[in-house]
Amino acid sequence: GLETLKIRVETHSAHALQMAQWLE
């Protein structure tokens, strides 16, 4: 799992920002 951690976390974070803005 650590092999893909960076690309996963960066994508999670980008998606979460979009979700947070929409929820507001």
mmCIF file of all heavy atoms, coordinates in Angstrom:
data_MODEL
# 
_entry.id   MODEL 
# 
loop_
_atom_site.group_PDB 
_atom_site.id 
_atom_site.type_symbol 
_atom_site.label_atom_id 
_atom_site.label_alt_id 
_atom_site.label_comp_id 
_atom_site.label_asym_id 
_atom_site.label_entity_id 
_atom_site.label_seq_id 
_atom_site.pdbx_PDB_ins_code 
_atom_site.Cartn_x 
_atom_site.Cartn_y 
_atom_site.Cartn_z 
_atom_site.occupancy 
_atom_site.B_iso_or_equiv 
_atom_site.pdbx_formal_charge 
_atom_site.auth_seq_id 
_atom_site.auth_comp_id 
_atom_site.auth_asym_id 
_atom_site.auth_atom_id 
_atom_site.pdbx_PDB_model_num 
ATOM 1   N N   . GLY A 1 1  ? 0.807   -1.212 0.000  1.00 0.00 ? 1  GLY A N   1 
ATOM 2   C CA  . GLY A 1 1  ? 0.000   0.000  0.000  1.00 0.00 ? 1  GLY A CA  1 
ATOM 3   C C   . GLY A 1 1  ? 0.840   1.262  0.000  1.00 0.00 ? 1  GLY A C   1 
ATOM 4   O O   . GLY A 1 1  ? 0.479   2.270  -0.621 1.00 0.00 ? 1  GLY A O   1 
ATOM 5   N N   . LEU A 1 2  ? 1.991   1.229  0.687  1.00 0.00 ? 2  LEU A N   1 
ATOM 6   C CA  . LEU A 1 2  ? 2.862   2.405  0.743  1.00 0.00 ? 2  LEU A CA  1 
ATOM 7   C C   . LEU A 1 2  ? 3.394   2.795  -0.632 1.00 0.00 ? 2  LEU A C   1 
ATOM 8   O O   . LEU A 1 2  ? 3.743   3.952  -0.858 1.00 0.00 ? 2  LEU A O   1 
ATOM 9   C CB  . LEU A 1 2  ? 4.031   2.143  1.696  1.00 0.00 ? 2  LEU A CB  1 
ATOM 10  C CG  . LEU A 1 2  ? 3.707   2.094  3.188  1.00 0.00 ? 2  LEU A CG  1 
ATOM 11  C CD1 . LEU A 1 2  ? 4.964   1.766  3.995  1.00 0.00 ? 2  LEU A CD1 1 
ATOM 12  C CD2 . LEU A 1 2  ? 3.097   3.393  3.670  1.00 0.00 ? 2  LEU A CD2 1 
ATOM 13  N N   . GLU A 1 3  ? 3.444   1.837  -1.550 1.00 0.00 ? 3  GLU A N   1 
ATOM 14  C CA  . GLU A 1 3  ? 3.957   2.129  -2.886 1.00 0.00 ? 3  GLU A CA  1 
ATOM 15  C C   . GLU A 1 3  ? 3.097   3.156  -3.619 1.00 0.00 ? 3  GLU A C   1 
ATOM 16  O O   . GLU A 1 3  ? 3.596   3.902  -4.459 1.00 0.00 ? 3  GLU A O   1 
ATOM 17  C CB  . GLU A 1 3  ? 4.047   0.839  -3.709 1.00 0.00 ? 3  GLU A CB  1 
ATOM 18  C CG  . GLU A 1 3  ? 5.068   -0.149 -3.173 1.00 0.00 ? 3  GLU A CG  1 
ATOM 19  C CD  . GLU A 1 3  ? 5.174   -1.412 -3.999 1.00 0.00 ? 3  GLU A CD  1 
ATOM 20  O OE1 . GLU A 1 3  ? 4.307   -1.641 -4.872 1.00 0.00 ? 3  GLU A OE1 1 
ATOM 21  O OE2 . GLU A 1 3  ? 6.131   -2.176 -3.771 1.00 0.00 ? 3  GLU A OE2 1 
ATOM 22  N N   . THR A 1 4  ? 1.811   3.193  -3.319 1.00 0.00 ? 4  THR A N   1 
ATOM 23  C CA  . THR A 1 4  ? 0.903   4.114  -4.006 1.00 0.00 ? 4  THR A CA  1 
ATOM 24  C C   . THR A 1 4  ? 0.373   5.205  -3.078 1.00 0.00 ? 4  THR A C   1 
ATOM 25  O O   . THR A 1 4  ? -0.559  5.925  -3.436 1.00 0.00 ? 4  THR A O   1 
ATOM 26  C CB  . THR A 1 4  ? -0.288  3.340  -4.604 1.00 0.00 ? 4  THR A CB  1 
ATOM 27  O OG1 . THR A 1 4  ? -0.991  2.657  -3.538 1.00 0.00 ? 4  THR A OG1 1 
ATOM 28  C CG2 . THR A 1 4  ? 0.173   2.318  -5.622 1.00 0.00 ? 4  THR A CG2 1 
ATOM 29  N N   . LEU A 1 5  ? 0.952   5.328  -1.869 1.00 0.00 ? 5  LEU A N   1 
ATOM 30  C CA  . LEU A 1 5  ? 0.414   6.255  -0.872 1.00 0.00 ? 5  LEU A CA  1 
ATOM 31  C C   . LEU A 1 5  ? 0.353   7.689  -1.389 1.00 0.00 ? 5  LEU A C   1 
ATOM 32  O O   . LEU A 1 5  ? -0.666  8.370  -1.234 1.00 0.00 ? 5  LEU A O   1 
ATOM 33  C CB  . LEU A 1 5  ? 1.262   6.187  0.402  1.00 0.00 ? 5  LEU A CB  1 
ATOM 34  C CG  . LEU A 1 5  ? 0.807   7.097  1.548  1.00 0.00 ? 5  LEU A CG  1 
ATOM 35  C CD1 . LEU A 1 5  ? -0.561  6.686  2.051  1.00 0.00 ? 5  LEU A CD1 1 
ATOM 36  C CD2 . LEU A 1 5  ? 1.813   7.066  2.701  1.00 0.00 ? 5  LEU A CD2 1 
ATOM 37  N N   . LYS A 1 6  ? 1.411   8.168  -1.987 1.00 0.00 ? 6  LYS A N   1 
ATOM 38  C CA  . LYS A 1 6  ? 1.465   9.572  -2.401 1.00 0.00 ? 6  LYS A CA  1 
ATOM 39  C C   . LYS A 1 6  ? 0.379   9.903  -3.413 1.00 0.00 ? 6  LYS A C   1 
ATOM 40  O O   . LYS A 1 6  ? -0.366  10.880 -3.240 1.00 0.00 ? 6  LYS A O   1 
ATOM 41  C CB  . LYS A 1 6  ? 2.834   9.909  -2.976 1.00 0.00 ? 6  LYS A CB  1 
ATOM 42  C CG  . LYS A 1 6  ? 3.024   11.388 -3.307 1.00 0.00 ? 6  LYS A CG  1 
ATOM 43  C CD  . LYS A 1 6  ? 4.448   11.675 -3.742 1.00 0.00 ? 6  LYS A CD  1 
ATOM 44  C CE  . LYS A 1 6  ? 4.679   13.173 -3.926 1.00 0.00 ? 6  LYS A CE  1 
ATOM 45  N NZ  . LYS A 1 6  ? 3.917   13.711 -5.061 1.00 0.00 ? 6  LYS A NZ  1 
ATOM 46  N N   . ILE A 1 7  ? 0.248   9.112  -4.438 1.00 0.00 ? 7  ILE A N   1 
ATOM 47  C CA  . ILE A 1 7  ? -0.753  9.438  -5.476 1.00 0.00 ? 7  ILE A CA  1 
ATOM 48  C C   . ILE A 1 7  ? -2.167  9.253  -4.944 1.00 0.00 ? 7  ILE A C   1 
ATOM 49  O O   . ILE A 1 7  ? -3.079  10.003 -5.314 1.00 0.00 ? 7  ILE A O   1 
ATOM 50  C CB  . ILE A 1 7  ? -0.533  8.616  -6.761 1.00 0.00 ? 7  ILE A CB  1 
ATOM 51  C CG1 . ILE A 1 7  ? -0.582  7.110  -6.486 1.00 0.00 ? 7  ILE A CG1 1 
ATOM 52  C CG2 . ILE A 1 7  ? 0.773   8.995  -7.422 1.00 0.00 ? 7  ILE A CG2 1 
ATOM 53  C CD1 . ILE A 1 7  ? -0.508  6.263  -7.749 1.00 0.00 ? 7  ILE A CD1 1 
ATOM 54  N N   . ARG A 1 8  ? -2.362  8.294  -4.036 1.00 0.00 ? 8  ARG A N   1 
ATOM 55  C CA  . ARG A 1 8  ? -3.695  8.112  -3.469 1.00 0.00 ? 8  ARG A CA  1 
ATOM 56  C C   . ARG A 1 8  ? -4.085  9.274  -2.574 1.00 0.00 ? 8  ARG A C   1 
ATOM 57  O O   . ARG A 1 8  ? -5.179  9.835  -2.689 1.00 0.00 ? 8  ARG A O   1 
ATOM 58  C CB  . ARG A 1 8  ? -3.765  6.802  -2.679 1.00 0.00 ? 8  ARG A CB  1 
ATOM 59  C CG  . ARG A 1 8  ? -3.828  5.556  -3.528 1.00 0.00 ? 8  ARG A CG  1 
ATOM 60  C CD  . ARG A 1 8  ? -4.092  4.318  -2.701 1.00 0.00 ? 8  ARG A CD  1 
ATOM 61  N NE  . ARG A 1 8  ? -2.960  3.926  -1.856 1.00 0.00 ? 8  ARG A NE  1 
ATOM 62  C CZ  . ARG A 1 8  ? -2.867  4.122  -0.554 1.00 0.00 ? 8  ARG A CZ  1 
ATOM 63  N NH1 . ARG A 1 8  ? -3.853  4.745  0.106  1.00 0.00 ? 8  ARG A NH1 1 
ATOM 64  N NH2 . ARG A 1 8  ? -1.802  3.716  0.123  1.00 0.00 ? 8  ARG A NH2 1 
ATOM 65  N N   . VAL A 1 9  ? -3.193  9.657  -1.651 1.00 0.00 ? 9  VAL A N   1 
ATOM 66  C CA  . VAL A 1 9  ? -3.514  10.718 -0.698 1.00 0.00 ? 9  VAL A CA  1 
ATOM 67  C C   . VAL A 1 9  ? -3.738  12.045 -1.423 1.00 0.00 ? 9  VAL A C   1 
ATOM 68  O O   . VAL A 1 9  ? -4.639  12.818 -1.069 1.00 0.00 ? 9  VAL A O   1 
ATOM 69  C CB  . VAL A 1 9  ? -2.405  10.838 0.368  1.00 0.00 ? 9  VAL A CB  1 
ATOM 70  C CG1 . VAL A 1 9  ? -2.572  12.109 1.193  1.00 0.00 ? 9  VAL A CG1 1 
ATOM 71  C CG2 . VAL A 1 9  ? -2.429  9.620  1.281  1.00 0.00 ? 9  VAL A CG2 1 
ATOM 72  N N   . GLU A 1 10 ? -2.944  12.319 -2.425 1.00 0.00 ? 10 GLU A N   1 
ATOM 73  C CA  . GLU A 1 10 ? -3.135  13.553 -3.185 1.00 0.00 ? 10 GLU A CA  1 
ATOM 74  C C   . GLU A 1 10 ? -4.491  13.558 -3.888 1.00 0.00 ? 10 GLU A C   1 
ATOM 75  O O   . GLU A 1 10 ? -5.173  14.595 -3.941 1.00 0.00 ? 10 GLU A O   1 
ATOM 76  C CB  . GLU A 1 10 ? -2.000  13.720 -4.194 1.00 0.00 ? 10 GLU A CB  1 
ATOM 77  C CG  . GLU A 1 10 ? -0.671  14.077 -3.540 1.00 0.00 ? 10 GLU A CG  1 
ATOM 78  C CD  . GLU A 1 10 ? 0.487   14.102 -4.507 1.00 0.00 ? 10 GLU A CD  1 
ATOM 79  O OE1 . GLU A 1 10 ? 0.327   13.602 -5.646 1.00 0.00 ? 10 GLU A OE1 1 
ATOM 80  O OE2 . GLU A 1 10 ? 1.563   14.609 -4.130 1.00 0.00 ? 10 GLU A OE2 1 
ATOM 81  N N   . THR A 1 11 ? -4.924  12.402 -4.399 1.00 0.00 ? 11 THR A N   1 
ATOM 82  C CA  . THR A 1 11 ? -6.230  12.326 -5.052 1.00 0.00 ? 11 THR A CA  1 
ATOM 83  C C   . THR A 1 11 ? -7.363  12.409 -4.040 1.00 0.00 ? 11 THR A C   1 
ATOM 84  O O   . THR A 1 11 ? -8.357  13.111 -4.262 1.00 0.00 ? 11 THR A O   1 
ATOM 85  C CB  . THR A 1 11 ? -6.336  11.025 -5.866 1.00 0.00 ? 11 THR A CB  1 
ATOM 86  O OG1 . THR A 1 11 ? -5.269  10.964 -6.810 1.00 0.00 ? 11 THR A OG1 1 
ATOM 87  C CG2 . THR A 1 11 ? -7.665  10.957 -6.615 1.00 0.00 ? 11 THR A CG2 1 
ATOM 88  N N   . HIS A 1 12 ? -7.235  11.691 -2.909 1.00 0.00 ? 12 HIS A N   1 
ATOM 89  C CA  . HIS A 1 12 ? -8.230  11.810 -1.834 1.00 0.00 ? 12 HIS A CA  1 
ATOM 90  C C   . HIS A 1 12 ? -8.422  13.277 -1.463 1.00 0.00 ? 12 HIS A C   1 
ATOM 91  O O   . HIS A 1 12 ? -9.549  13.759 -1.293 1.00 0.00 ? 12 HIS A O   1 
ATOM 92  C CB  . HIS A 1 12 ? -7.760  11.051 -0.586 1.00 0.00 ? 12 HIS A CB  1 
ATOM 93  C CG  . HIS A 1 12 ? -7.915  9.567  -0.640 1.00 0.00 ? 12 HIS A CG  1 
ATOM 94  N ND1 . HIS A 1 12 ? -9.141  8.947  -0.722 1.00 0.00 ? 12 HIS A ND1 1 
ATOM 95  C CD2 . HIS A 1 12 ? -6.993  8.573  -0.592 1.00 0.00 ? 12 HIS A CD2 1 
ATOM 96  C CE1 . HIS A 1 12 ? -8.974  7.628  -0.734 1.00 0.00 ? 12 HIS A CE1 1 
ATOM 97  N NE2 . HIS A 1 12 ? -7.674  7.378  -0.659 1.00 0.00 ? 12 HIS A NE2 1 
ATOM 98  N N   . SER A 1 13 ? -7.319  13.987 -1.302 1.00 0.00 ? 13 SER A N   1 
ATOM 99  C CA  . SER A 1 13 ? -7.360  15.368 -0.855 1.00 0.00 ? 13 SER A CA  1 
ATOM 100 C C   . SER A 1 13 ? -8.019  16.277 -1.894 1.00 0.00 ? 13 SER A C   1 
ATOM 101 O O   . SER A 1 13 ? -8.831  17.145 -1.546 1.00 0.00 ? 13 SER A O   1 
ATOM 102 C CB  . SER A 1 13 ? -5.935  15.846 -0.554 1.00 0.00 ? 13 SER A CB  1 
ATOM 103 O OG  . SER A 1 13 ? -5.939  17.063 0.140  1.00 0.00 ? 13 SER A OG  1 
ATOM 104 N N   . ALA A 1 14 ? -7.692  16.082 -3.141 1.00 0.00 ? 14 ALA A N   1 
ATOM 105 C CA  . ALA A 1 14 ? -8.300  16.893 -4.208 1.00 0.00 ? 14 ALA A CA  1 
ATOM 106 C C   . ALA A 1 14 ? -9.800  16.651 -4.274 1.00 0.00 ? 14 ALA A C   1 
ATOM 107 O O   . ALA A 1 14 ? -10.599 17.593 -4.432 1.00 0.00 ? 14 ALA A O   1 
ATOM 108 C CB  . ALA A 1 14 ? -7.640  16.575 -5.544 1.00 0.00 ? 14 ALA A CB  1 
ATOM 109 N N   . HIS A 1 15 ? -10.216 15.387 -4.166 1.00 0.00 ? 15 HIS A N   1 
ATOM 110 C CA  . HIS A 1 15 ? -11.639 15.055 -4.188 1.00 0.00 ? 15 HIS A CA  1 
ATOM 111 C C   . HIS A 1 15 ? -12.358 15.625 -2.967 1.00 0.00 ? 15 HIS A C   1 
ATOM 112 O O   . HIS A 1 15 ? -13.493 16.105 -3.066 1.00 0.00 ? 15 HIS A O   1 
ATOM 113 C CB  . HIS A 1 15 ? -11.822 13.539 -4.232 1.00 0.00 ? 15 HIS A CB  1 
ATOM 114 C CG  . HIS A 1 15 ? -11.507 12.934 -5.555 1.00 0.00 ? 15 HIS A CG  1 
ATOM 115 N ND1 . HIS A 1 15 ? -11.773 11.607 -5.863 1.00 0.00 ? 15 HIS A ND1 1 
ATOM 116 C CD2 . HIS A 1 15 ? -10.932 13.451 -6.666 1.00 0.00 ? 15 HIS A CD2 1 
ATOM 117 C CE1 . HIS A 1 15 ? -11.384 11.355 -7.091 1.00 0.00 ? 15 HIS A CE1 1 
ATOM 118 N NE2 . HIS A 1 15 ? -10.862 12.452 -7.593 1.00 0.00 ? 15 HIS A NE2 1 
ATOM 119 N N   . ALA A 1 16 ? -11.698 15.566 -1.806 1.00 0.00 ? 16 ALA A N   1 
ATOM 120 C CA  . ALA A 1 16 ? -12.324 16.058 -0.573 1.00 0.00 ? 16 ALA A CA  1 
ATOM 121 C C   . ALA A 1 16 ? -12.569 17.555 -0.644 1.00 0.00 ? 16 ALA A C   1 
ATOM 122 O O   . ALA A 1 16 ? -13.599 18.050 -0.159 1.00 0.00 ? 16 ALA A O   1 
ATOM 123 C CB  . ALA A 1 16 ? -11.444 15.714 0.631  1.00 0.00 ? 16 ALA A CB  1 
ATOM 124 N N   . LEU A 1 17 ? -11.639 18.308 -1.225 1.00 0.00 ? 17 LEU A N   1 
ATOM 125 C CA  . LEU A 1 17 ? -11.835 19.747 -1.356 1.00 0.00 ? 17 LEU A CA  1 
ATOM 126 C C   . LEU A 1 17 ? -13.057 20.047 -2.221 1.00 0.00 ? 17 LEU A C   1 
ATOM 127 O O   . LEU A 1 17 ? -13.885 20.906 -1.872 1.00 0.00 ? 17 LEU A O   1 
ATOM 128 C CB  . LEU A 1 17 ? -10.594 20.398 -1.951 1.00 0.00 ? 17 LEU A CB  1 
ATOM 129 C CG  . LEU A 1 17 ? -10.680 21.912 -2.195 1.00 0.00 ? 17 LEU A CG  1 
ATOM 130 C CD1 . LEU A 1 17 ? -10.978 22.659 -0.902 1.00 0.00 ? 17 LEU A CD1 1 
ATOM 131 C CD2 . LEU A 1 17 ? -9.397  22.428 -2.836 1.00 0.00 ? 17 LEU A CD2 1 
ATOM 132 N N   . GLN A 1 18 ? -13.203 19.329 -3.321 1.00 0.00 ? 18 GLN A N   1 
ATOM 133 C CA  . GLN A 1 18 ? -14.381 19.516 -4.173 1.00 0.00 ? 18 GLN A CA  1 
ATOM 134 C C   . GLN A 1 18 ? -15.662 19.178 -3.412 1.00 0.00 ? 18 GLN A C   1 
ATOM 135 O O   . GLN A 1 18 ? -16.667 19.897 -3.523 1.00 0.00 ? 18 GLN A O   1 
ATOM 136 C CB  . GLN A 1 18 ? -14.275 18.636 -5.419 1.00 0.00 ? 18 GLN A CB  1 
ATOM 137 C CG  . GLN A 1 18 ? -13.174 19.005 -6.379 1.00 0.00 ? 18 GLN A CG  1 
ATOM 138 C CD  . GLN A 1 18 ? -13.141 18.054 -7.561 1.00 0.00 ? 18 GLN A CD  1 
ATOM 139 O OE1 . GLN A 1 18 ? -14.120 17.906 -8.294 1.00 0.00 ? 18 GLN A OE1 1 
ATOM 140 N NE2 . GLN A 1 18 ? -12.012 17.380 -7.751 1.00 0.00 ? 18 GLN A NE2 1 
ATOM 141 N N   . MET A 1 19 ? -15.618 18.097 -2.643 1.00 0.00 ? 19 MET A N   1 
ATOM 142 C CA  . MET A 1 19 ? -16.784 17.686 -1.879 1.00 0.00 ? 19 MET A CA  1 
ATOM 143 C C   . MET A 1 19 ? -17.130 18.728 -0.815 1.00 0.00 ? 19 MET A C   1 
ATOM 144 O O   . MET A 1 19 ? -18.304 19.067 -0.605 1.00 0.00 ? 19 MET A O   1 
ATOM 145 C CB  . MET A 1 19 ? -16.535 16.321 -1.237 1.00 0.00 ? 19 MET A CB  1 
ATOM 146 C CG  . MET A 1 19 ? -17.698 15.791 -0.420 1.00 0.00 ? 19 MET A CG  1 
ATOM 147 S SD  . MET A 1 19 ? -19.187 15.486 -1.413 1.00 0.00 ? 19 MET A SD  1 
ATOM 148 C CE  . MET A 1 19 ? -18.692 13.961 -2.229 1.00 0.00 ? 19 MET A CE  1 
ATOM 149 N N   . ALA A 1 20 ? -16.120 19.239 -0.120 1.00 0.00 ? 20 ALA A N   1 
ATOM 150 C CA  . ALA A 1 20 ? -16.353 20.229 0.934  1.00 0.00 ? 20 ALA A CA  1 
ATOM 151 C C   . ALA A 1 20 ? -16.954 21.506 0.356  1.00 0.00 ? 20 ALA A C   1 
ATOM 152 O O   . ALA A 1 20 ? -17.883 22.091 0.942  1.00 0.00 ? 20 ALA A O   1 
ATOM 153 C CB  . ALA A 1 20 ? -15.041 20.530 1.653  1.00 0.00 ? 20 ALA A CB  1 
ATOM 154 N N   . GLN A 1 21 ? -16.450 21.952 -0.778 1.00 0.00 ? 21 GLN A N   1 
ATOM 155 C CA  . GLN A 1 21 ? -16.983 23.158 -1.409 1.00 0.00 ? 21 GLN A CA  1 
ATOM 156 C C   . GLN A 1 21 ? -18.435 22.954 -1.834 1.00 0.00 ? 21 GLN A C   1 
ATOM 157 O O   . GLN A 1 21 ? -19.268 23.855 -1.671 1.00 0.00 ? 21 GLN A O   1 
ATOM 158 C CB  . GLN A 1 21 ? -16.113 23.541 -2.614 1.00 0.00 ? 21 GLN A CB  1 
ATOM 159 C CG  . GLN A 1 21 ? -14.721 24.012 -2.224 1.00 0.00 ? 21 GLN A CG  1 
ATOM 160 C CD  . GLN A 1 21 ? -13.776 24.119 -3.411 1.00 0.00 ? 21 GLN A CD  1 
ATOM 161 O OE1 . GLN A 1 21 ? -13.946 23.428 -4.425 1.00 0.00 ? 21 GLN A OE1 1 
ATOM 162 N NE2 . GLN A 1 21 ? -12.745 24.951 -3.274 1.00 0.00 ? 21 GLN A NE2 1 
ATOM 163 N N   . TRP A 1 22 ? -18.750 21.785 -2.339 1.00 0.00 ? 22 TRP A N   1 
ATOM 164 C CA  . TRP A 1 22 ? -20.129 21.480 -2.743 1.00 0.00 ? 22 TRP A CA  1 
ATOM 165 C C   . TRP A 1 22 ? -21.052 21.420 -1.527 1.00 0.00 ? 22 TRP A C   1 
ATOM 166 O O   . TRP A 1 22 ? -22.167 21.969 -1.554 1.00 0.00 ? 22 TRP A O   1 
ATOM 167 C CB  . TRP A 1 22 ? -20.147 20.148 -3.495 1.00 0.00 ? 22 TRP A CB  1 
ATOM 168 C CG  . TRP A 1 22 ? -21.513 19.679 -3.865 1.00 0.00 ? 22 TRP A CG  1 
ATOM 169 C CD1 . TRP A 1 22 ? -22.281 20.090 -4.925 1.00 0.00 ? 22 TRP A CD1 1 
ATOM 170 C CD2 . TRP A 1 22 ? -22.290 18.685 -3.173 1.00 0.00 ? 22 TRP A CD2 1 
ATOM 171 N NE1 . TRP A 1 22 ? -23.475 19.421 -4.932 1.00 0.00 ? 22 TRP A NE1 1 
ATOM 172 C CE2 . TRP A 1 22 ? -23.517 18.548 -3.880 1.00 0.00 ? 22 TRP A CE2 1 
ATOM 173 C CE3 . TRP A 1 22 ? -22.069 17.898 -2.063 1.00 0.00 ? 22 TRP A CE3 1 
ATOM 174 C CZ2 . TRP A 1 22 ? -24.508 17.659 -3.469 1.00 0.00 ? 22 TRP A CZ2 1 
ATOM 175 C CZ3 . TRP A 1 22 ? -23.050 17.012 -1.650 1.00 0.00 ? 22 TRP A CZ3 1 
ATOM 176 C CH2 . TRP A 1 22 ? -24.261 16.898 -2.352 1.00 0.00 ? 22 TRP A CH2 1 
ATOM 177 N N   . LEU A 1 23 ? -20.599 20.796 -0.454 1.00 0.00 ? 23 LEU A N   1 
ATOM 178 C CA  . LEU A 1 23 ? -21.429 20.686 0.751  1.00 0.00 ? 23 LEU A CA  1 
ATOM 179 C C   . LEU A 1 23 ? -21.740 22.059 1.334  1.00 0.00 ? 23 LEU A C   1 
ATOM 180 O O   . LEU A 1 23 ? -22.838 22.286 1.866  1.00 0.00 ? 23 LEU A O   1 
ATOM 181 C CB  . LEU A 1 23 ? -20.729 19.815 1.796  1.00 0.00 ? 23 LEU A CB  1 
ATOM 182 C CG  . LEU A 1 23 ? -20.780 18.298 1.557  1.00 0.00 ? 23 LEU A CG  1 
ATOM 183 C CD1 . LEU A 1 23 ? -19.771 17.575 2.453  1.00 0.00 ? 23 LEU A CD1 1 
ATOM 184 C CD2 . LEU A 1 23 ? -22.194 17.758 1.792  1.00 0.00 ? 23 LEU A CD2 1 
ATOM 185 N N   . GLU A 1 24 ? -20.802 22.988 1.248  1.00 0.00 ? 24 GLU A N   1 
ATOM 186 C CA  . GLU A 1 24 ? -21.058 24.335 1.757  1.00 0.00 ? 24 GLU A CA  1 
ATOM 187 C C   . GLU A 1 24 ? -22.205 25.020 1.026  1.00 0.00 ? 24 GLU A C   1 
ATOM 188 O O   . GLU A 1 24 ? -22.842 25.927 1.569  1.00 0.00 ? 24 GLU A O   1 
ATOM 189 C CB  . GLU A 1 24 ? -19.790 25.194 1.649  1.00 0.00 ? 24 GLU A CB  1 
ATOM 190 C CG  . GLU A 1 24 ? -18.805 25.005 2.782  1.00 0.00 ? 24 GLU A CG  1 
ATOM 191 C CD  . GLU A 1 24 ? -17.818 26.146 2.897  1.00 0.00 ? 24 GLU A CD  1 
ATOM 192 O OE1 . GLU A 1 24 ? -17.284 26.580 1.857  1.00 0.00 ? 24 GLU A OE1 1 
ATOM 193 O OE2 . GLU A 1 24 ? -17.561 26.605 4.025  1.00 0.00 ? 24 GLU A OE2 1 
# 
